[in-house]
Amino acid sequence: MPPKDRTEPAMMIRLSILMFFQYFAMGAWYVSATGFMLRSDIQMDGLVFAVYSVGPLAAIFSPFFIGLVADRYLPTQTALAILFIASGILLCIAPAMASPFGVPDVLHQNWLAGRLTMLWTSMRHPFVLVLLGHMLCFMPTISLTASLSFRHLKHREKEFPVVRVLGTIGWICGNVAISFLPGKDASALQFGLAGMSACGIGLYCFLLPSTPPPLKGQRVTFGEIIGLGSLRLFRSPAFTVFIVASFLTVIPHSAYSAFARSFVEASHVAPFGSATFAMAFGQASEIIFMLVMPFCVSRIGVKWMLAIGMAAWVLRFGLFAAAAETQSAWMIMSGILLHGVCFGFFFVTGMMYVDRTAPPAIRNQAQGFLVLVTQGLGMFTGAQIIGGWEQYQTVAGVINWTDFWLSPAIFAAIITLGFVICFRDPRKDRKQSE
């Protein structure tokens, strides 16, 4: 029997299964989708930026569903079941919506008008619309699975990371599973695999413990849903610098999300014939760095943790730019393996900083606001800018990968330098003076 202050092993296993298959469903298509889109019989290369815009759009609207519906009217396990099944069905039909998409001529005449035209045209493409519907259903599940886990774990700080790491392992398994499909990254079956996994985990949610809506009968304001209460934190110069730097840093991050797999494939670094398999090493490194983070935070502090995470993006893009000419496998794999530092030291440390900075009364709002700024607005802005940059660097269907990666490297370096100069952690300064 476990001690009273620990969760029953059976509950830990049930929650871990939920996390594993949730992220398996996303890992089985999100990275490899470009392999399908770039097929000669599909020819949807002009839609890559749009496909990687639907997630950020869903992240912007996700708090509204959670705040207005899921947290007030539906038991969490029921909301999860409905969302997973709906998202899975939409993912299964996505390949049937594929059709060639060309770049409008206006894109080459005026950059701003071209990007707006491209966005408007691409977002009406049936393939993108179906994936948008999928993401609008799937994105709220990320917050809901976390909140359900917190409700049933007795020692959140120690037990939740154990449960959550199964999600990372699930993502890796989803990436690896692609290499076993006929056609590998280019296979349409990836969407069926991911969709059926989502439907399966949706049915599994009905077996989870009953979790009543946490805000049943309570009035929730628009400001609380989008985290307006956290705006008071901007009175702190350090918090302002952190938010601005976070927003700007995820803009070059969009280049990695949307185009790293295609770059790896073009460089012929594809174990088992699958570039997505190579990308899975990044998530594997994430597990390692997540384990060492608690030791690093206590020794070097939040400022330098964030700075190291930002600098890792500079190094990653620099390695990619240098490897573009030589197709150096060790440089490319090193850039992929830096994902653990990029994700853990930047994104996770940022969440820890917000949790430490925000008063308890607005802590949840502040975390929601951070997600809105980074995963929502920042990633969406980045998808538009990087999408335009990719088109600018493409001549006769061939991307100039050296210049493509060099620009986000320089941009990330400027943001990192500005953050190091401008950010001062008041708590650390106070401790040093005591």
Protein backbone atom coordinates (compact mmCIF):
# COMPACT_ATOMS: atom_id res chain seq x y z
CA MET A 1 0.00 0.00 0.00
CA PRO A 2 1.36 3.46 -0.90
CA PRO A 3 1.66 6.13 1.83
CA LYS A 4 -1.42 8.25 2.36
CA ASP A 5 0.23 11.31 0.80
CA ARG A 6 0.85 9.45 -2.46
CA THR A 7 -1.53 8.61 -5.27
CA GLU A 8 -2.57 5.01 -5.79
CA PRO A 9 -0.41 3.29 -8.47
CA ALA A 10 -3.56 2.34 -10.40
CA MET A 11 -4.52 6.01 -10.72
CA MET A 12 -1.00 6.95 -11.83
CA ILE A 13 -1.18 4.26 -14.52
CA ARG A 14 -4.61 5.41 -15.74
CA LEU A 15 -3.47 9.02 -16.06
CA SER A 16 -0.20 7.98 -17.71
CA ILE A 17 -2.11 6.00 -20.36
CA LEU A 18 -4.19 9.10 -21.05
CA MET A 19 -1.09 11.26 -21.51
CA PHE A 20 0.71 8.69 -23.65
CA PHE A 21 -2.02 8.26 -26.25
CA GLN A 22 -2.99 11.94 -26.26
CA TYR A 23 0.49 12.92 -27.41
CA PHE A 24 0.90 9.79 -29.55
CA ALA A 25 -2.11 11.02 -31.55
CA MET A 26 -0.44 14.38 -32.12
CA GLY A 27 3.07 13.04 -32.68
CA ALA A 28 1.81 10.62 -35.35
CA TRP A 29 0.98 13.45 -37.79
CA TYR A 30 2.07 16.90 -36.61
CA VAL A 31 5.73 16.54 -37.57
CA SER A 32 5.33 14.29 -40.61
CA ALA A 33 2.40 16.14 -42.24
CA THR A 34 4.75 18.05 -44.54
CA GLY A 35 5.96 14.75 -46.01
CA PHE A 36 2.39 14.09 -47.20
CA MET A 37 1.82 17.66 -48.35
CA LEU A 38 4.97 17.81 -50.48
CA ARG A 39 4.14 14.67 -52.47
CA SER A 40 4.24 15.21 -56.24
CA ASP A 41 0.62 14.06 -56.56
CA ILE A 42 -0.53 16.35 -53.73
CA GLN A 43 1.51 19.55 -54.26
CA MET A 44 0.38 21.49 -51.21
CA ASP A 45 3.77 23.00 -50.32
CA GLY A 46 2.17 26.46 -50.35
CA LEU A 47 -0.07 25.40 -47.46
CA VAL A 48 2.64 24.43 -44.98
CA PHE A 49 2.53 27.75 -43.15
CA ALA A 50 -1.28 27.57 -42.99
CA VAL A 51 -1.27 24.07 -41.50
CA TYR A 52 1.11 25.29 -38.80
CA SER A 53 -1.12 28.31 -38.19
CA VAL A 54 -4.18 26.30 -37.17
CA GLY A 55 -2.62 25.15 -33.88
CA PRO A 56 -1.85 28.70 -32.72
CA LEU A 57 -5.33 29.83 -33.81
CA ALA A 58 -6.83 27.02 -31.76
CA ALA A 59 -4.64 28.00 -28.80
CA ILE A 60 -6.12 31.50 -28.96
CA PHE A 61 -9.71 30.24 -28.90
CA SER A 62 -9.16 27.29 -26.55
CA PRO A 63 -9.53 29.31 -23.31
CA PHE A 64 -13.00 30.41 -24.39
CA PHE A 65 -14.26 26.83 -24.72
CA ILE A 66 -12.66 25.77 -21.46
CA GLY A 67 -13.86 28.81 -19.52
CA LEU A 68 -17.36 29.03 -20.97
CA VAL A 69 -18.24 25.34 -21.43
CA ALA A 70 -15.85 22.69 -20.09
CA ASP A 71 -15.23 24.26 -16.68
CA ARG A 72 -18.90 25.07 -16.06
CA TYR A 73 -21.19 22.47 -17.63
CA LEU A 74 -19.39 19.21 -18.44
CA PRO A 75 -17.50 16.72 -16.27
CA THR A 76 -13.89 16.87 -17.38
CA GLN A 77 -13.76 13.24 -18.53
CA THR A 78 -16.90 13.77 -20.64
CA ALA A 79 -15.55 16.93 -22.23
CA LEU A 80 -12.32 15.10 -23.05
CA ALA A 81 -14.18 12.16 -24.59
CA ILE A 82 -16.25 14.39 -26.88
CA LEU A 83 -13.27 16.50 -27.93
CA PHE A 84 -10.96 13.55 -28.61
CA ILE A 85 -13.53 11.65 -30.67
CA ALA A 86 -14.49 14.72 -32.71
CA SER A 87 -10.84 15.61 -33.31
CA GLY A 88 -10.05 12.03 -34.33
CA ILE A 89 -12.87 11.85 -36.87
CA LEU A 90 -11.77 15.13 -38.47
CA LEU A 91 -8.17 13.91 -38.66
CA CYS A 92 -9.24 10.69 -40.38
CA ILE A 93 -10.99 12.57 -43.19
CA ALA A 94 -8.23 15.15 -43.67
CA PRO A 95 -6.35 13.28 -46.47
CA ALA A 96 -9.54 13.14 -48.54
CA MET A 97 -9.57 16.96 -48.52
CA ALA A 98 -6.10 17.25 -50.07
CA SER A 99 -5.79 19.00 -53.43
CA PRO A 100 -3.01 21.01 -55.15
CA PHE A 101 -2.49 24.58 -53.96
CA GLY A 102 -0.46 27.18 -55.84
CA VAL A 103 1.08 30.42 -54.60
CA PRO A 104 -0.91 33.52 -55.73
CA ASP A 105 1.00 35.82 -58.12
CA VAL A 106 0.36 38.81 -55.87
CA LEU A 107 2.74 37.28 -53.33
CA HIS A 108 5.66 38.13 -55.58
CA GLN A 109 4.47 41.71 -56.16
CA ASN A 110 3.84 43.06 -52.66
CA TRP A 111 4.94 41.23 -49.52
CA LEU A 112 2.23 42.45 -47.13
CA ALA A 113 -0.61 42.20 -49.64
CA GLY A 114 0.74 38.84 -50.69
CA ARG A 115 0.80 37.47 -47.15
CA LEU A 116 -2.75 38.63 -46.46
CA THR A 117 -3.96 37.17 -49.75
CA MET A 118 -2.10 33.95 -49.06
CA LEU A 119 -3.56 33.68 -45.57
CA TRP A 120 -7.11 34.33 -46.72
CA THR A 121 -6.86 31.90 -49.63
CA SER A 122 -5.06 29.13 -47.76
CA MET A 123 -7.32 29.17 -44.71
CA ARG A 124 -10.30 28.39 -46.99
CA HIS A 125 -8.65 25.29 -48.42
CA PRO A 126 -10.64 22.19 -47.35
CA PHE A 127 -7.53 20.41 -46.02
CA VAL A 128 -6.65 23.37 -43.79
CA LEU A 129 -10.25 23.86 -42.65
CA VAL A 130 -10.50 20.22 -41.54
CA LEU A 131 -7.22 20.47 -39.64
CA LEU A 132 -8.41 23.73 -38.09
CA GLY A 133 -11.52 21.93 -36.88
CA HIS A 134 -9.34 19.13 -35.54
CA MET A 135 -7.12 21.55 -33.63
CA LEU A 136 -10.07 23.51 -32.23
CA CYS A 137 -11.21 20.22 -30.68
CA PHE A 138 -7.78 18.88 -29.74
CA MET A 139 -6.09 21.97 -28.27
CA PRO A 140 -8.40 22.29 -25.22
CA THR A 141 -7.56 18.69 -24.27
CA ILE A 142 -4.00 19.73 -23.39
CA SER A 143 -5.23 21.93 -20.54
CA LEU A 144 -8.04 19.57 -19.58
CA THR A 145 -5.82 16.50 -19.19
CA ALA A 146 -3.49 18.53 -16.99
CA SER A 147 -6.34 19.82 -14.82
CA LEU A 148 -7.87 16.34 -14.54
CA SER A 149 -4.51 14.95 -13.46
CA PHE A 150 -4.06 17.66 -10.84
CA ARG A 151 -7.51 16.88 -9.43
CA HIS A 152 -6.61 13.22 -8.82
CA LEU A 153 -2.93 13.42 -7.86
CA LYS A 154 -2.17 13.84 -4.18
CA HIS A 155 1.39 15.10 -4.60
CA ARG A 156 1.22 17.22 -7.74
CA GLU A 157 4.77 18.60 -7.76
CA LYS A 158 6.40 15.18 -7.71
CA GLU A 159 3.79 13.01 -9.38
CA PHE A 160 2.63 15.14 -12.31
CA PRO A 161 6.06 15.19 -14.03
CA VAL A 162 6.04 11.38 -13.89
CA VAL A 163 2.62 11.30 -15.57
CA ARG A 164 3.46 14.06 -18.06
CA VAL A 165 6.70 12.45 -19.22
CA LEU A 166 4.58 9.62 -20.64
CA GLY A 167 3.16 12.23 -23.00
CA THR A 168 6.63 12.97 -24.33
CA ILE A 169 7.27 9.24 -24.74
CA GLY A 170 3.93 8.95 -26.56
CA TRP A 171 4.96 11.74 -28.95
CA ILE A 172 8.25 9.91 -29.66
CA CYS A 173 6.39 6.65 -30.31
CA GLY A 174 4.05 8.50 -32.66
CA ASN A 175 7.06 9.83 -34.59
CA VAL A 176 8.68 6.41 -34.73
CA ALA A 177 5.44 4.71 -35.82
CA ILE A 178 5.52 6.76 -39.04
CA SER A 179 8.67 4.93 -40.14
CA PHE A 180 6.71 1.65 -40.20
CA LEU A 181 3.97 2.93 -42.53
CA PRO A 182 4.06 2.24 -46.28
CA GLY A 183 5.45 5.43 -47.75
CA LYS A 184 6.63 6.57 -44.31
CA ASP A 185 6.44 10.40 -43.95
CA ALA A 186 4.53 10.73 -47.24
CA SER A 187 1.83 8.24 -46.27
CA ALA A 188 -1.78 9.38 -45.92
CA LEU A 189 -2.17 6.61 -43.34
CA GLN A 190 -0.49 8.82 -40.73
CA PHE A 191 -3.72 10.79 -40.37
CA GLY A 192 -5.76 7.61 -39.96
CA LEU A 193 -3.31 6.29 -37.35
CA ALA A 194 -3.43 9.54 -35.40
CA GLY A 195 -7.21 9.91 -35.81
CA MET A 196 -8.00 6.39 -34.65
CA SER A 197 -5.69 6.89 -31.67
CA ALA A 198 -7.58 10.06 -30.75
CA CYS A 199 -10.93 8.27 -31.06
CA GLY A 200 -9.63 5.39 -28.97
CA ILE A 201 -8.40 7.62 -26.16
CA GLY A 202 -11.75 9.44 -26.35
CA LEU A 203 -13.57 6.20 -25.59
CA TYR A 204 -11.03 5.48 -22.84
CA CYS A 205 -11.94 8.81 -21.19
CA PHE A 206 -15.34 7.40 -20.26
CA LEU A 207 -13.47 4.98 -17.98
CA LEU A 208 -11.65 7.76 -16.13
CA PRO A 209 -12.77 8.78 -12.62
CA SER A 210 -15.65 11.22 -12.44
CA THR A 211 -14.39 14.79 -12.34
CA PRO A 212 -17.18 17.39 -11.93
CA PRO A 213 -16.76 20.75 -13.69
CA PRO A 214 -14.67 22.90 -11.30
CA LEU A 215 -16.64 26.12 -11.88
CA LYS A 216 -20.16 24.70 -11.99
CA GLY A 217 -22.68 27.40 -11.09
CA GLN A 218 -20.04 30.13 -10.95
CA ARG A 219 -19.98 33.24 -13.09
CA VAL A 220 -16.88 33.53 -15.27
CA THR A 221 -15.97 36.86 -16.87
CA PHE A 222 -14.41 37.45 -20.27
CA GLY A 223 -11.38 39.03 -18.59
CA GLU A 224 -10.78 35.95 -16.45
CA ILE A 225 -10.95 33.65 -19.48
CA ILE A 226 -8.25 35.49 -21.45
CA GLY A 227 -6.21 36.36 -18.37
CA LEU A 228 -6.71 40.13 -18.24
CA GLY A 229 -6.17 40.00 -14.49
CA SER A 230 -2.54 39.16 -15.18
CA LEU A 231 -2.02 42.55 -16.87
CA ARG A 232 -1.27 44.01 -13.45
CA LEU A 233 1.97 42.04 -13.55
CA PHE A 234 3.21 44.44 -16.25
CA ARG A 235 3.90 46.89 -13.44
CA SER A 236 7.07 44.85 -13.00
CA PRO A 237 9.71 45.74 -15.64
CA ALA A 238 11.11 42.20 -15.35
CA PHE A 239 7.76 40.62 -16.21
CA THR A 240 7.31 43.00 -19.14
CA VAL A 241 10.72 42.10 -20.54
CA PHE A 242 9.95 38.41 -20.06
CA ILE A 243 6.62 38.56 -21.92
CA VAL A 244 8.02 40.61 -24.82
CA ALA A 245 11.04 38.30 -25.13
CA SER A 246 8.79 35.22 -24.98
CA PHE A 247 6.54 36.54 -27.74
CA LEU A 248 9.48 37.40 -29.99
CA THR A 249 11.37 34.16 -29.33
CA VAL A 250 8.55 31.90 -30.52
CA ILE A 251 8.52 33.68 -33.90
CA PRO A 252 11.73 31.97 -35.09
CA HIS A 253 10.57 28.84 -33.25
CA SER A 254 7.86 28.58 -35.93
CA ALA A 255 10.58 27.91 -38.50
CA TYR A 256 11.58 24.76 -36.65
CA SER A 257 8.00 23.55 -36.18
CA ALA A 258 7.01 23.96 -39.81
CA PHE A 259 10.17 23.34 -41.83
CA ALA A 260 12.75 21.39 -39.81
CA ARG A 261 11.41 18.01 -40.96
CA SER A 262 11.55 19.08 -44.61
CA PHE A 263 15.11 20.36 -44.10
CA VAL A 264 16.19 17.07 -42.52
CA GLU A 265 14.65 15.14 -45.41
CA ALA A 266 16.29 17.39 -48.02
CA SER A 267 19.63 16.83 -46.26
CA HIS A 268 19.14 13.05 -46.47
CA VAL A 269 19.42 12.59 -42.71
CA ALA A 270 16.60 10.09 -42.36
CA PRO A 271 17.11 6.97 -40.22
CA PHE A 272 14.96 4.10 -41.53
CA GLY A 273 13.98 6.35 -44.43
CA SER A 274 11.94 8.69 -42.20
CA ALA A 275 12.95 12.25 -41.35
CA THR A 276 10.25 12.20 -38.67
CA PHE A 277 12.18 9.38 -36.97
CA ALA A 278 15.21 11.70 -36.79
CA MET A 279 13.07 14.46 -35.29
CA ALA A 280 12.03 12.12 -32.47
CA PHE A 281 15.53 12.41 -31.01
CA GLY A 282 14.63 15.97 -30.05
CA GLN A 283 11.81 14.77 -27.80
CA ALA A 284 14.11 12.12 -26.34
CA SER A 285 16.55 14.85 -25.29
CA GLU A 286 13.62 16.74 -23.77
CA ILE A 287 13.16 13.93 -21.24
CA ILE A 288 16.79 14.19 -20.13
CA PHE A 289 16.82 17.96 -19.74
CA MET A 290 13.47 17.96 -17.93
CA LEU A 291 15.06 15.70 -15.30
CA VAL A 292 18.08 17.98 -14.75
CA MET A 293 16.09 21.24 -14.73
CA PRO A 294 15.30 21.30 -10.99
CA PHE A 295 19.03 21.16 -10.20
CA CYS A 296 19.84 23.90 -12.71
CA VAL A 297 17.17 26.34 -11.52
CA SER A 298 18.42 26.28 -7.94
CA ARG A 299 22.01 26.91 -9.06
CA ILE A 300 21.92 29.41 -11.92
CA GLY A 301 18.52 31.08 -11.49
CA VAL A 302 15.59 31.83 -13.78
CA LYS A 303 17.29 34.57 -15.81
CA TRP A 304 20.15 32.39 -17.00
CA MET A 305 17.91 29.37 -17.49
CA LEU A 306 15.78 31.43 -19.88
CA ALA A 307 18.87 32.93 -21.53
CA ILE A 308 20.37 29.47 -22.11
CA GLY A 309 17.07 28.32 -23.60
CA MET A 310 17.03 31.30 -25.97
CA ALA A 311 20.71 30.88 -26.87
CA ALA A 312 20.02 27.23 -27.71
CA TRP A 313 17.71 28.43 -30.50
CA VAL A 314 20.53 30.59 -31.86
CA LEU A 315 22.91 27.63 -31.82
CA ARG A 316 20.34 25.29 -33.38
CA PHE A 317 19.56 27.61 -36.30
CA GLY A 318 23.26 28.35 -36.72
CA LEU A 319 24.03 24.65 -36.97
CA PHE A 320 21.26 24.17 -39.52
CA ALA A 321 22.53 27.10 -41.61
CA ALA A 322 26.10 25.76 -41.51
CA ALA A 323 24.93 22.25 -42.37
CA ALA A 324 22.80 23.36 -45.31
CA GLU A 325 25.77 23.46 -47.71
CA THR A 326 27.65 20.40 -46.42
CA GLN A 327 24.61 18.34 -45.34
CA SER A 328 26.60 17.53 -42.20
CA ALA A 329 24.67 14.85 -40.33
CA TRP A 330 26.30 15.60 -36.97
CA MET A 331 25.41 19.29 -37.18
CA ILE A 332 21.81 18.54 -38.08
CA MET A 333 21.41 15.92 -35.36
CA SER A 334 23.04 18.25 -32.83
CA GLY A 335 20.49 20.91 -33.74
CA ILE A 336 17.67 18.41 -33.24
CA LEU A 337 19.08 17.23 -29.91
CA LEU A 338 19.10 20.83 -28.66
CA HIS A 339 15.31 20.59 -28.45
CA GLY A 340 15.55 19.53 -24.82
CA VAL A 341 17.32 22.78 -23.92
CA CYS A 342 15.14 24.92 -26.19
CA PHE A 343 11.89 23.52 -24.78
CA GLY A 344 12.76 22.82 -21.16
CA PHE A 345 14.98 25.77 -20.32
CA PHE A 346 12.76 28.28 -22.13
CA PHE A 347 9.12 27.15 -22.11
CA VAL A 348 9.06 25.19 -18.86
CA THR A 349 11.22 27.71 -16.99
CA GLY A 350 8.91 30.43 -18.26
CA MET A 351 5.92 28.64 -16.72
CA MET A 352 7.84 28.32 -13.45
CA TYR A 353 8.70 32.03 -13.51
CA VAL A 354 5.05 33.00 -14.02
CA ASP A 355 3.95 30.64 -11.25
CA ARG A 356 6.49 32.22 -8.89
CA THR A 357 5.74 35.82 -9.90
CA ALA A 358 1.93 35.87 -10.05
CA PRO A 359 -0.10 36.16 -6.83
CA PRO A 360 -2.12 32.99 -6.06
CA ALA A 361 -5.42 34.70 -6.94
CA ILE A 362 -4.40 35.26 -10.59
CA ARG A 363 -1.88 32.44 -11.06
CA ASN A 364 -4.10 30.42 -13.40
CA GLN A 365 -4.98 33.52 -15.40
CA ALA A 366 -1.30 34.40 -15.72
CA GLN A 367 -0.44 30.93 -17.05
CA GLY A 368 -3.31 31.20 -19.53
CA PHE A 369 -2.06 34.61 -20.61
CA LEU A 370 1.44 33.21 -21.20
CA VAL A 371 0.01 30.45 -23.41
CA LEU A 372 -2.08 33.01 -25.30
CA VAL A 373 0.97 35.22 -25.93
CA THR A 374 3.37 32.41 -26.91
CA GLN A 375 1.56 29.35 -28.25
CA GLY A 376 -1.26 31.50 -29.64
CA LEU A 377 -0.31 34.99 -30.84
CA GLY A 378 3.44 34.38 -31.06
CA MET A 379 3.26 31.12 -32.99
CA PHE A 380 0.56 32.47 -35.32
CA THR A 381 2.62 35.58 -36.07
CA GLY A 382 5.68 33.42 -36.59
CA ALA A 383 3.85 31.12 -39.00
CA GLN A 384 2.94 34.09 -41.20
CA ILE A 385 6.43 35.62 -41.16
CA ILE A 386 8.31 32.36 -41.62
CA GLY A 387 5.84 31.23 -44.29
CA GLY A 388 6.58 34.38 -46.27
CA TRP A 389 10.31 33.99 -45.70
CA GLU A 390 10.20 30.40 -47.00
CA GLN A 391 8.44 31.54 -50.17
CA TYR A 392 11.00 34.34 -50.63
CA GLN A 393 13.88 31.87 -50.29
CA THR A 394 12.33 29.38 -52.74
CA VAL A 395 13.46 29.53 -56.37
CA ALA A 396 12.22 26.97 -58.91
CA GLY A 397 10.92 24.82 -56.08
CA VAL A 398 14.27 24.71 -54.23
CA ILE A 399 14.73 26.41 -50.85
CA ASN A 400 17.95 28.26 -50.05
CA TRP A 401 18.30 26.57 -46.66
CA THR A 402 21.43 28.48 -45.65
CA ASP A 403 19.76 31.90 -45.79
CA PHE A 404 16.48 30.44 -44.56
CA TRP A 405 18.04 29.36 -41.23
CA LEU A 406 20.51 32.22 -40.92
CA SER A 407 17.83 34.89 -40.50
CA PRO A 408 16.02 33.26 -37.52
CA ALA A 409 19.46 32.62 -35.97
CA ILE A 410 20.31 36.33 -36.15
CA PHE A 411 16.83 37.33 -34.94
CA ALA A 412 17.03 34.93 -31.98
CA ALA A 413 20.52 36.20 -31.12
CA ILE A 414 19.27 39.80 -30.95
CA ILE A 415 16.38 38.79 -28.69
CA THR A 416 18.69 36.79 -26.43
CA LEU A 417 21.14 39.67 -26.08
CA GLY A 418 18.33 42.14 -25.37
CA PHE A 419 16.86 39.84 -22.74
CA VAL A 420 20.20 39.38 -20.95
CA ILE A 421 20.75 43.14 -20.86
CA CYS A 422 17.23 44.20 -19.86
CA PHE A 423 15.94 41.43 -17.57
CA ARG A 424 16.60 41.67 -13.87
CA ASP A 425 15.10 39.10 -11.51
CA PRO A 426 14.00 41.12 -8.43
CA ARG A 427 13.82 38.05 -6.20
CA LYS A 428 17.35 36.96 -7.01
CA ASP A 429 18.67 40.49 -6.50
CA ARG A 430 16.88 40.63 -3.16
CA LYS A 431 18.39 37.33 -2.01
CA GLN A 432 21.88 38.45 -2.98
CA SER A 433 21.53 41.65 -0.94
CA GLU A 434 20.33 39.85 2.19
